[in-house]
Amino acid sequence: MTIEEMITDFTEQQSKVKAEVAEIKDALKTREDQLLRLQGAIEGLRLATQKEGEEAPAPVKEAKVK
């Protein structure tokens, strides 16, 4: 394999990896949004429970998002 062929091959690999990274970032963003919605729903339900005069359930440990 010549240097020019290697450059072409690596460039193609680089493009594929960049596209894959973009897809993974998009999937991560979607999951982070889902996590935030779930946390909001849990907090809303806790507040609703407290307003009804019942003792609030023990808080659930929230997942850390980097």
Foldseek 3Di string as FASTA:
>chain_A
DDPVVVVVVVVVVVVVVVVVVVVVVVVLVVVVVVLVVVVVVLVVVQVVCVVVVDDGDDDDDRDDDD
